[in-house]
C-alpha cells in the first residue's frame, strides 16, 4: 500500500521549452507520460513481464531491476530476444511470451538483430541476474556520494548518497526533460549485498498535456510536485563490487566501485547523518 500526496504548484510560463510547440497528439503525450512515470512505484519491470508492454524496456533504471527476483530478471532479459522473434528452447519461456500478440517466433538466433541499446540493457539485467555476493562488503565502506557520471555537470543528480545512520537516497538526472525522481530509505549489508528499503519517493514533473517536451524546470506551464509514502517499504537488492582505482574520463585517479549495473565514482565522504 502507498499514500500519494500531490502538491500543485503553478508557475508562470517563461516560454515554450527549447522552442518546441505544444503537442496536441494524444498518442505522443500518452507515451511520454508513461515513459517518465515508469519508475513511480518501481513497477516498470513488472509491467513488461506481466503485460508485455515493450515501450518501457528502454526506460528501466537500476531501481526497477533491483526489485525483481532472479526468475523475473531472466524473463525480462529474454523479452529483448522475444521481441525479435527468437524461438525459445525452454518451454516456460515459450509459454510466457506466447501470451502476447507481438511475439512471433521465427528465428533460431537473433543476435545480429540486437541494437547497441539492446546489448546494454541485457548487460544491465545480467549484472543483477548473475550477481555474486561480496563477502568483503561493509556498510562503513559505502558511506559517501557515489556519482553516476564524472565530472558532474550542473544539475546532475544521478547519484546515490549513503549516510552513516543507515539512510540512503537515490537521485535521477535533474537536467532531463520530463520528470525528476528521488527516493529515500534505509539500507543494510545482507549476505554480501546492499539491501535497500525505500520508504518514500519524490516526483517533480512538467505538464505533459500542454508541452511537447515537458520539463521539470524552466519553460513549463505547470509543475506538479508529489511525494509517495510507501506503507510497506519497497525492497531492493544491489550487487556491489570492491573499490578499484581507475582513470575515469580524465587523467584523474578516482575511486570507483560497481553498485548495481555499472561503475560509480566516489564523489566524497559526505556522511551527512
C-alpha atoms as a PDB file:
ATOM      1  CA  UNK A   1       0.000   0.000   0.000  1.00  0.00           C
ATOM      2  CA  UNK A   2       1.126   3.539  -0.584  1.00  0.00           C
ATOM      3  CA  UNK A   3      -0.088   7.005   0.161  1.00  0.00           C
ATOM      4  CA  UNK A   4       0.256   9.645  -2.541  1.00  0.00           C
ATOM      5  CA  UNK A   5       0.469  13.303  -1.637  1.00  0.00           C
ATOM      6  CA  UNK A   6       0.467  15.719  -4.586  1.00  0.00           C
ATOM      7  CA  UNK A   7       1.118  19.416  -4.283  1.00  0.00           C
ATOM      8  CA  UNK A   8       0.220  21.504  -7.329  1.00  0.00           C
ATOM      9  CA  UNK A   9       2.488  24.461  -7.974  1.00  0.00           C
ATOM     10  CA  UNK A  10       1.548  26.940 -10.700  1.00  0.00           C
ATOM     11  CA  UNK A  11       4.440  28.752 -12.362  1.00  0.00           C
ATOM     12  CA  UNK A  12       4.110  31.470 -14.992  1.00  0.00           C
ATOM     13  CA  UNK A  13       5.194  30.280 -18.395  1.00  0.00           C
ATOM     14  CA  UNK A  14       8.606  31.621 -19.337  1.00  0.00           C
ATOM     15  CA  UNK A  15       8.429  30.376 -22.918  1.00  0.00           C
ATOM     16  CA  UNK A  16       7.960  27.263 -24.936  1.00  0.00           C
ATOM     17  CA  UNK A  17      10.546  24.659 -23.937  1.00  0.00           C
ATOM     18  CA  UNK A  18      13.565  24.799 -26.245  1.00  0.00           C
ATOM     19  CA  UNK A  19      11.437  26.434 -28.962  1.00  0.00           C
ATOM     20  CA  UNK A  20       9.042  23.478 -29.201  1.00  0.00           C
ATOM     21  CA  UNK A  21       5.333  23.976 -29.791  1.00  0.00           C
ATOM     22  CA  UNK A  22       2.598  22.493 -27.636  1.00  0.00           C
ATOM     23  CA  UNK A  23       1.611  18.970 -28.606  1.00  0.00           C
ATOM     24  CA  UNK A  24      -1.952  18.005 -29.417  1.00  0.00           C
ATOM     25  CA  UNK A  25      -1.029  14.454 -30.387  1.00  0.00           C
ATOM     26  CA  UNK A  26      -2.700  12.258 -27.783  1.00  0.00           C
ATOM     27  CA  UNK A  27      -0.512   9.230 -28.522  1.00  0.00           C
ATOM     28  CA  UNK A  28       2.664  11.254 -28.184  1.00  0.00           C
ATOM     29  CA  UNK A  29       1.564  12.803 -24.906  1.00  0.00           C
ATOM     30  CA  UNK A  30       0.493   9.432 -23.530  1.00  0.00           C
ATOM     31  CA  UNK A  31       3.772   7.714 -24.482  1.00  0.00           C
ATOM     32  CA  UNK A  32       5.841  10.462 -22.856  1.00  0.00           C
ATOM     33  CA  UNK A  33       3.639  10.400 -19.774  1.00  0.00           C
ATOM     34  CA  UNK A  34       4.009   6.638 -19.376  1.00  0.00           C
ATOM     35  CA  UNK A  35       7.739   6.760 -20.076  1.00  0.00           C
ATOM     36  CA  UNK A  36       8.505   9.322 -17.417  1.00  0.00           C
ATOM     37  CA  UNK A  37       6.203   7.780 -14.836  1.00  0.00           C
ATOM     38  CA  UNK A  38       7.556   4.268 -15.339  1.00  0.00           C
ATOM     39  CA  UNK A  39       9.713   4.440 -12.228  1.00  0.00           C
ATOM     40  CA  UNK A  40       6.936   5.588  -9.904  1.00  0.00           C
ATOM     41  CA  UNK A  41       6.496   2.707  -7.509  1.00  0.00           C
ATOM     42  CA  UNK A  42       9.334   0.829  -9.260  1.00  0.00           C
ATOM     43  CA  UNK A  43       6.931  -1.350 -11.245  1.00  0.00           C
ATOM     44  CA  UNK A  44       8.180  -0.863 -14.809  1.00  0.00           C
ATOM     45  CA  UNK A  45       9.866  -4.275 -14.924  1.00  0.00           C
ATOM     46  CA  UNK A  46       6.742  -5.992 -13.621  1.00  0.00           C
ATOM     47  CA  UNK A  47       4.593  -4.232 -16.233  1.00  0.00           C
ATOM     48  CA  UNK A  48       6.885  -5.504 -19.005  1.00  0.00           C
ATOM     49  CA  UNK A  49       6.898  -9.045 -17.618  1.00  0.00           C
ATOM     50  CA  UNK A  50       3.197  -9.336 -16.791  1.00  0.00           C
ATOM     51  CA  UNK A  51       1.676  -7.213 -19.548  1.00  0.00           C
ATOM     52  CA  UNK A  52       4.301  -7.497 -22.280  1.00  0.00           C
ATOM     53  CA  UNK A  53       4.482  -3.705 -22.536  1.00  0.00           C
ATOM     54  CA  UNK A  54       7.591  -3.227 -24.685  1.00  0.00           C
ATOM     55  CA  UNK A  55       7.796   0.625 -24.712  1.00  0.00           C
ATOM     56  CA  UNK A  56       9.014   0.539 -21.105  1.00  0.00           C
ATOM     57  CA  UNK A  57      12.032  -1.652 -21.911  1.00  0.00           C
ATOM     58  CA  UNK A  58      14.406   1.239 -22.537  1.00  0.00           C
ATOM     59  CA  UNK A  59      13.242   3.423 -19.647  1.00  0.00           C
ATOM     60  CA  UNK A  60      14.398   1.000 -16.950  1.00  0.00           C
ATOM     61  CA  UNK A  61      16.558   2.204 -14.067  1.00  0.00           C
ATOM     62  CA  UNK A  62      18.666   0.091 -11.731  1.00  0.00           C
ATOM     63  CA  UNK A  63      15.961   0.625  -9.128  1.00  0.00           C
ATOM     64  CA  UNK A  64      13.488  -1.135 -11.440  1.00  0.00           C
ATOM     65  CA  UNK A  65      15.853  -4.103 -11.751  1.00  0.00           C
ATOM     66  CA  UNK A  66      16.777  -4.294  -8.058  1.00  0.00           C
ATOM     67  CA  UNK A  67      13.189  -5.151  -7.058  1.00  0.00           C
ATOM     68  CA  UNK A  68      12.985  -8.206  -9.329  1.00  0.00           C
ATOM     69  CA  UNK A  69      13.627 -11.857  -8.488  1.00  0.00           C
ATOM     70  CA  UNK A  70      16.166 -13.930 -10.413  1.00  0.00           C
ATOM     71  CA  UNK A  71      13.361 -15.521 -12.415  1.00  0.00           C
ATOM     72  CA  UNK A  72      11.804 -12.129 -13.181  1.00  0.00           C
ATOM     73  CA  UNK A  73      15.175 -10.875 -14.405  1.00  0.00           C
ATOM     74  CA  UNK A  74      15.535 -13.940 -16.640  1.00  0.00           C
ATOM     75  CA  UNK A  75      12.135 -13.280 -18.226  1.00  0.00           C
ATOM     76  CA  UNK A  76      12.871  -9.568 -18.597  1.00  0.00           C
ATOM     77  CA  UNK A  77      16.199 -10.273 -20.345  1.00  0.00           C
ATOM     78  CA  UNK A  78      14.582 -12.753 -22.700  1.00  0.00           C
ATOM     79  CA  UNK A  79      11.866 -10.239 -23.540  1.00  0.00           C
ATOM     80  CA  UNK A  80      14.513  -8.451 -25.623  1.00  0.00           C
ATOM     81  CA  UNK A  81      15.122 -11.610 -27.661  1.00  0.00           C
ATOM     82  CA  UNK A  82      11.408 -12.394 -27.848  1.00  0.00           C
ATOM     83  CA  UNK A  83      10.559  -9.073 -29.486  1.00  0.00           C
ATOM     84  CA  UNK A  84      12.807 -10.060 -32.409  1.00  0.00           C
ATOM     85  CA  UNK A  85      11.055 -13.424 -32.777  1.00  0.00           C
ATOM     86  CA  UNK A  86      13.513 -15.820 -31.146  1.00  0.00           C
ATOM     87  CA  UNK A  87      12.348 -19.425 -30.975  1.00  0.00           C
ATOM     88  CA  UNK A  88      12.988 -20.452 -27.353  1.00  0.00           C
ATOM     89  CA  UNK A  89      14.159 -23.922 -26.362  1.00  0.00           C
ATOM     90  CA  UNK A  90      12.750 -23.501 -22.841  1.00  0.00           C
ATOM     91  CA  UNK A  91       9.081 -24.453 -22.569  1.00  0.00           C
ATOM     92  CA  UNK A  92       8.341 -21.906 -19.828  1.00  0.00           C
ATOM     93  CA  UNK A  93       9.675 -19.009 -21.914  1.00  0.00           C
ATOM     94  CA  UNK A  94       7.716 -20.129 -24.974  1.00  0.00           C
ATOM     95  CA  UNK A  95       4.514 -20.361 -22.949  1.00  0.00           C
ATOM     96  CA  UNK A  96       5.135 -16.983 -21.306  1.00  0.00           C
ATOM     97  CA  UNK A  97       5.759 -14.976 -24.462  1.00  0.00           C
ATOM     98  CA  UNK A  98       3.042 -16.763 -26.430  1.00  0.00           C
ATOM     99  CA  UNK A  99       0.537 -14.826 -24.281  1.00  0.00           C
ATOM    100  CA  UNK A 100       1.456 -11.630 -26.124  1.00  0.00           C
ATOM    101  CA  UNK A 101       0.270 -10.896 -29.687  1.00  0.00           C
ATOM    102  CA  UNK A 102       3.559  -9.207 -30.610  1.00  0.00           C
ATOM    103  CA  UNK A 103       5.553 -12.433 -30.117  1.00  0.00           C
ATOM    104  CA  UNK A 104       6.078 -14.085 -33.496  1.00  0.00           C
ATOM    105  CA  UNK A 105       8.653 -16.910 -33.146  1.00  0.00           C
ATOM    106  CA  UNK A 106      10.552 -17.352 -36.397  1.00  0.00           C
ATOM    107  CA  UNK A 107      14.329 -17.270 -35.768  1.00  0.00           C
ATOM    108  CA  UNK A 108      16.723 -19.636 -34.030  1.00  0.00           C
ATOM    109  CA  UNK A 109      19.194 -16.809 -33.443  1.00  0.00           C
ATOM    110  CA  UNK A 110      18.577 -13.061 -33.310  1.00  0.00           C
ATOM    111  CA  UNK A 111      21.977 -11.835 -32.101  1.00  0.00           C
ATOM    112  CA  UNK A 112      22.591  -9.928 -35.341  1.00  0.00           C
ATOM    113  CA  UNK A 113      19.317  -8.064 -34.859  1.00  0.00           C
ATOM    114  CA  UNK A 114      20.193  -6.672 -31.430  1.00  0.00           C
ATOM    115  CA  UNK A 115      20.973  -2.956 -31.246  1.00  0.00           C
ATOM    116  CA  UNK A 116      23.652  -1.390 -29.047  1.00  0.00           C
ATOM    117  CA  UNK A 117      20.826  -0.310 -26.728  1.00  0.00           C
ATOM    118  CA  UNK A 118      19.572  -3.904 -26.557  1.00  0.00           C
ATOM    119  CA  UNK A 119      23.023  -5.187 -25.683  1.00  0.00           C
ATOM    120  CA  UNK A 120      23.496  -2.571 -22.968  1.00  0.00           C
ATOM    121  CA  UNK A 121      20.154  -3.441 -21.385  1.00  0.00           C
ATOM    122  CA  UNK A 122      20.983  -7.156 -21.460  1.00  0.00           C
ATOM    123  CA  UNK A 123      24.277  -6.351 -19.744  1.00  0.00           C
ATOM    124  CA  UNK A 124      22.490  -4.277 -17.085  1.00  0.00           C
ATOM    125  CA  UNK A 125      19.965  -7.030 -16.379  1.00  0.00           C
ATOM    126  CA  UNK A 126      22.683  -9.686 -16.184  1.00  0.00           C
ATOM    127  CA  UNK A 127      24.548  -7.602 -13.598  1.00  0.00           C
ATOM    128  CA  UNK A 128      21.617  -8.304 -11.251  1.00  0.00           C
ATOM    129  CA  UNK A 129      20.659 -11.726 -12.573  1.00  0.00           C
ATOM    130  CA  UNK A 130      24.185 -13.177 -12.287  1.00  0.00           C
ATOM    131  CA  UNK A 131      25.207 -11.176  -9.198  1.00  0.00           C
ATOM    132  CA  UNK A 132      27.505 -12.839  -6.666  1.00  0.00           C
ATOM    133  CA  UNK A 133      27.777 -11.843  -3.000  1.00  0.00           C
ATOM    134  CA  UNK A 134      30.677  -9.607  -1.966  1.00  0.00           C
ATOM    135  CA  UNK A 135      31.859 -11.194   1.277  1.00  0.00           C
ATOM    136  CA  UNK A 136      34.236  -8.282   1.958  1.00  0.00           C
ATOM    137  CA  UNK A 137      31.463  -5.694   1.875  1.00  0.00           C
ATOM    138  CA  UNK A 138      30.991  -3.485   4.935  1.00  0.00           C
ATOM    139  CA  UNK A 139      28.442  -0.731   5.428  1.00  0.00           C
ATOM    140  CA  UNK A 140      31.124   1.741   6.544  1.00  0.00           C
ATOM    141  CA  UNK A 141      32.912   1.319   3.195  1.00  0.00           C
ATOM    142  CA  UNK A 142      29.862   2.608   1.319  1.00  0.00           C
ATOM    143  CA  UNK A 143      29.362   5.894   3.185  1.00  0.00           C
ATOM    144  CA  UNK A 144      29.547   8.870   0.827  1.00  0.00           C
ATOM    145  CA  UNK A 145      28.207  10.036  -2.513  1.00  0.00           C
ATOM    146  CA  UNK A 146      28.525   7.711  -5.491  1.00  0.00           C
ATOM    147  CA  UNK A 147      28.234   9.546  -8.780  1.00  0.00           C
ATOM    148  CA  UNK A 148      26.627   8.160 -11.891  1.00  0.00           C
ATOM    149  CA  UNK A 149      28.928  10.293 -14.045  1.00  0.00           C
ATOM    150  CA  UNK A 150      32.193  12.216 -13.706  1.00  0.00           C
ATOM    151  CA  UNK A 151      32.826  15.100 -13.953  1.00  0.00           C
ATOM    152  CA  UNK A 152      29.431  16.186 -12.668  1.00  0.00           C
ATOM    153  CA  UNK A 153      27.583  18.728 -14.834  1.00  0.00           C
ATOM    154  CA  UNK A 154      25.491  21.356 -13.119  1.00  0.00           C
ATOM    155  CA  UNK A 155      22.134  19.971 -12.056  1.00  0.00           C
ATOM    156  CA  UNK A 156      23.035  16.310 -12.449  1.00  0.00           C
ATOM    157  CA  UNK A 157      21.762  14.230  -9.537  1.00  0.00           C
ATOM    158  CA  UNK A 158      22.094  10.691 -10.865  1.00  0.00           C
ATOM    159  CA  UNK A 159      23.789   9.824  -7.612  1.00  0.00           C
ATOM    160  CA  UNK A 160      23.462   7.507  -4.637  1.00  0.00           C
ATOM    161  CA  UNK A 161      24.063   9.142  -1.256  1.00  0.00           C
ATOM    162  CA  UNK A 162      24.783   6.695   1.572  1.00  0.00           C
ATOM    163  CA  UNK A 163      24.828   8.111   5.083  1.00  0.00           C
ATOM    164  CA  UNK A 164      26.362   6.864   8.316  1.00  0.00           C
ATOM    165  CA  UNK A 165      22.985   6.438  10.012  1.00  0.00           C
ATOM    166  CA  UNK A 166      21.943   3.741   7.527  1.00  0.00           C
ATOM    167  CA  UNK A 167      19.814   6.071   5.404  1.00  0.00           C
ATOM    168  CA  UNK A 168      20.177   6.221   1.635  1.00  0.00           C
ATOM    169  CA  UNK A 169      18.933   8.448  -1.189  1.00  0.00           C
ATOM    170  CA  UNK A 170      18.766   7.865  -4.933  1.00  0.00           C
ATOM    171  CA  UNK A 171      18.538  10.685  -7.445  1.00  0.00           C
ATOM    172  CA  UNK A 172      17.987  10.964 -11.184  1.00  0.00           C
ATOM    173  CA  UNK A 173      19.087  13.451 -13.794  1.00  0.00           C
ATOM    174  CA  UNK A 174      17.584  16.830 -12.953  1.00  0.00           C
ATOM    175  CA  UNK A 175      18.614  18.200 -16.376  1.00  0.00           C
ATOM    176  CA  UNK A 176      16.481  15.707 -18.308  1.00  0.00           C
ATOM    177  CA  UNK A 177      13.233  16.810 -19.878  1.00  0.00           C
ATOM    178  CA  UNK A 178      10.174  15.181 -18.452  1.00  0.00           C
ATOM    179  CA  UNK A 179      10.435  14.124 -14.849  1.00  0.00           C
ATOM    180  CA  UNK A 180      12.720  14.121 -11.852  1.00  0.00           C
ATOM    181  CA  UNK A 181      12.613  11.402  -9.243  1.00  0.00           C
ATOM    182  CA  UNK A 182      14.410  10.932  -5.968  1.00  0.00           C
ATOM    183  CA  UNK A 183      13.795   8.224  -3.423  1.00  0.00           C
ATOM    184  CA  UNK A 184      14.811   7.710   0.187  1.00  0.00           C
ATOM    185  CA  UNK A 185      15.033   4.829   2.578  1.00  0.00           C
ATOM    186  CA  UNK A 186      17.323   2.765   4.758  1.00  0.00           C
ATOM    187  CA  UNK A 187      19.971   0.182   3.947  1.00  0.00           C
ATOM    188  CA  UNK A 188      21.953  -2.694   5.357  1.00  0.00           C
ATOM    189  CA  UNK A 189      24.512  -5.225   4.176  1.00  0.00           C
ATOM    190  CA  UNK A 190      22.978  -8.679   3.996  1.00  0.00           C
ATOM    191  CA  UNK A 191      24.640 -11.829   2.638  1.00  0.00           C
ATOM    192  CA  UNK A 192      27.159  -9.756   0.685  1.00  0.00           C
ATOM    193  CA  UNK A 193      24.603  -7.472  -0.993  1.00  0.00           C
ATOM    194  CA  UNK A 194      23.400  -3.917  -0.447  1.00  0.00           C
ATOM    195  CA  UNK A 195      19.778  -4.288   0.673  1.00  0.00           C
ATOM    196  CA  UNK A 196      17.675  -1.117   0.476  1.00  0.00           C
ATOM    197  CA  UNK A 197      14.197  -0.433   1.850  1.00  0.00           C
ATOM    198  CA  UNK A 198      12.651   2.556   0.048  1.00  0.00           C
ATOM    199  CA  UNK A 199      10.117   4.424   2.165  1.00  0.00           C
ATOM    200  CA  UNK A 200       9.374   7.482   0.026  1.00  0.00           C
ATOM    201  CA  UNK A 201       9.710   8.806  -3.498  1.00  0.00           C
ATOM    202  CA  UNK A 202       9.614  12.451  -4.546  1.00  0.00           C
ATOM    203  CA  UNK A 203       8.440  13.466  -8.008  1.00  0.00           C
ATOM    204  CA  UNK A 204       8.603  16.679  -9.994  1.00  0.00           C
ATOM    205  CA  UNK A 205       7.111  16.640 -13.477  1.00  0.00           C
ATOM    206  CA  UNK A 206       6.358  19.034 -16.282  1.00  0.00           C
ATOM    207  CA  UNK A 207       2.979  19.471 -17.908  1.00  0.00           C
ATOM    208  CA  UNK A 208       2.617  16.673 -20.455  1.00  0.00           C
ATOM    209  CA  UNK A 209      -0.772  17.857 -21.558  1.00  0.00           C
ATOM    210  CA  UNK A 210       0.389  21.242 -22.842  1.00  0.00           C
ATOM    211  CA  UNK A 211       4.106  20.965 -23.576  1.00  0.00           C
ATOM    212  CA  UNK A 212       5.531  18.849 -26.376  1.00  0.00           C
ATOM    213  CA  UNK A 213       8.641  18.297 -24.300  1.00  0.00           C
ATOM    214  CA  UNK A 214       7.678  18.787 -20.684  1.00  0.00           C
ATOM    215  CA  UNK A 215      10.466  19.987 -18.452  1.00  0.00           C
ATOM    216  CA  UNK A 216      10.544  19.759 -14.704  1.00  0.00           C
ATOM    217  CA  UNK A 217      12.197  23.169 -14.616  1.00  0.00           C
ATOM    218  CA  UNK A 218      12.323  26.224 -16.884  1.00  0.00           C
ATOM    219  CA  UNK A 219       9.877  26.877 -19.678  1.00  0.00           C
ATOM    220  CA  UNK A 220       6.931  24.900 -18.406  1.00  0.00           C
ATOM    221  CA  UNK A 221       3.394  25.996 -17.896  1.00  0.00           C
ATOM    222  CA  UNK A 222       2.808  23.962 -14.762  1.00  0.00           C
ATOM    223  CA  UNK A 223       4.943  21.979 -12.380  1.00  0.00           C
ATOM    224  CA  UNK A 224       3.429  19.162 -10.337  1.00  0.00           C
ATOM    225  CA  UNK A 225       5.311  18.029  -7.279  1.00  0.00           C
ATOM    226  CA  UNK A 226       4.335  14.989  -5.306  1.00  0.00           C
ATOM    227  CA  UNK A 227       5.531  12.530  -2.708  1.00  0.00           C
ATOM    228  CA  UNK A 228       4.722   8.842  -2.448  1.00  0.00           C
ATOM    229  CA  UNK A 229       4.951   7.315   1.023  1.00  0.00           C
ATOM    230  CA  UNK A 230       5.234   3.514   0.939  1.00  0.00           C
ATOM    231  CA  UNK A 231       3.462   1.981   3.933  1.00  0.00           C
ATOM    232  CA  UNK A 232       5.230  -1.263   3.067  1.00  0.00           C
ATOM    233  CA  UNK A 233       8.815  -0.346   2.069  1.00  0.00           C
ATOM    234  CA  UNK A 234       9.998  -1.328  -1.412  1.00  0.00           C
ATOM    235  CA  UNK A 235      12.837  -3.842  -1.050  1.00  0.00           C
ATOM    236  CA  UNK A 236      15.777  -3.626  -3.441  1.00  0.00           C
ATOM    237  CA  UNK A 237      18.913  -5.755  -3.657  1.00  0.00           C
ATOM    238  CA  UNK A 238      22.062  -4.382  -5.320  1.00  0.00           C
ATOM    239  CA  UNK A 239      25.287  -6.191  -6.141  1.00  0.00           C
ATOM    240  CA  UNK A 240      28.336  -4.185  -5.030  1.00  0.00           C
ATOM    241  CA  UNK A 241      31.919  -4.580  -6.194  1.00  0.00           C
ATOM    242  CA  UNK A 242      35.167  -3.789  -4.419  1.00  0.00           C
ATOM    243  CA  UNK A 243      36.889  -0.415  -4.635  1.00  0.00           C
ATOM    244  CA  UNK A 244      39.207  -0.016  -7.594  1.00  0.00           C
ATOM    245  CA  UNK A 245      41.289   2.931  -8.747  1.00  0.00           C
ATOM    246  CA  UNK A 246      40.914   3.877 -12.361  1.00  0.00           C
ATOM    247  CA  UNK A 247      41.293   6.772 -14.730  1.00  0.00           C
ATOM    248  CA  UNK A 248      37.768   7.913 -15.374  1.00  0.00           C
ATOM    249  CA  UNK A 249      37.175  10.224 -18.351  1.00  0.00           C
ATOM    250  CA  UNK A 250      40.184  12.356 -17.474  1.00  0.00           C
ATOM    251  CA  UNK A 251      43.631  11.783 -16.091  1.00  0.00           C
ATOM    252  CA  UNK A 252      42.383  11.858 -12.528  1.00  0.00           C
ATOM    253  CA  UNK A 253      42.781   8.777 -10.381  1.00  0.00           C
ATOM    254  CA  UNK A 254      39.294   8.156  -8.965  1.00  0.00           C
ATOM    255  CA  UNK A 255      37.978   5.532  -6.582  1.00  0.00           C
ATOM    256  CA  UNK A 256      35.333   3.504  -8.385  1.00  0.00           C
ATOM    257  CA  UNK A 257      33.105   0.610  -7.432  1.00  0.00           C
ATOM    258  CA  UNK A 258      30.256  -1.197  -9.117  1.00  0.00           C
ATOM    259  CA  UNK A 259      26.881  -0.556  -7.494  1.00  0.00           C
ATOM    260  CA  UNK A 260      24.088  -2.196  -9.400  1.00  0.00           C
ATOM    261  CA  UNK A 261      24.688  -2.495 -13.129  1.00  0.00           C
ATOM    262  CA  UNK A 262      27.578  -0.101 -13.652  1.00  0.00           C
ATOM    263  CA  UNK A 263      30.588   1.574 -12.069  1.00  0.00           C
ATOM    264  CA  UNK A 264      30.111   4.647  -9.900  1.00  0.00           C
ATOM    265  CA  UNK A 265      32.705   7.226  -8.981  1.00  0.00           C
ATOM    266  CA  UNK A 266      33.247   8.088  -5.318  1.00  0.00           C
ATOM    267  CA  UNK A 267      32.372  11.767  -5.005  1.00  0.00           C
ATOM    268  CA  UNK A 268      33.312  12.267  -1.377  1.00  0.00           C
ATOM    269  CA  UNK A 269      32.683  11.102   2.146  1.00  0.00           C
ATOM    270  CA  UNK A 270      29.553  13.176   2.681  1.00  0.00           C
ATOM    271  CA  UNK A 271      28.037  11.176   5.520  1.00  0.00           C
ATOM    272  CA  UNK A 272      25.544  13.932   6.373  1.00  0.00           C
ATOM    273  CA  UNK A 273      23.868  11.924   9.095  1.00  0.00           C
END
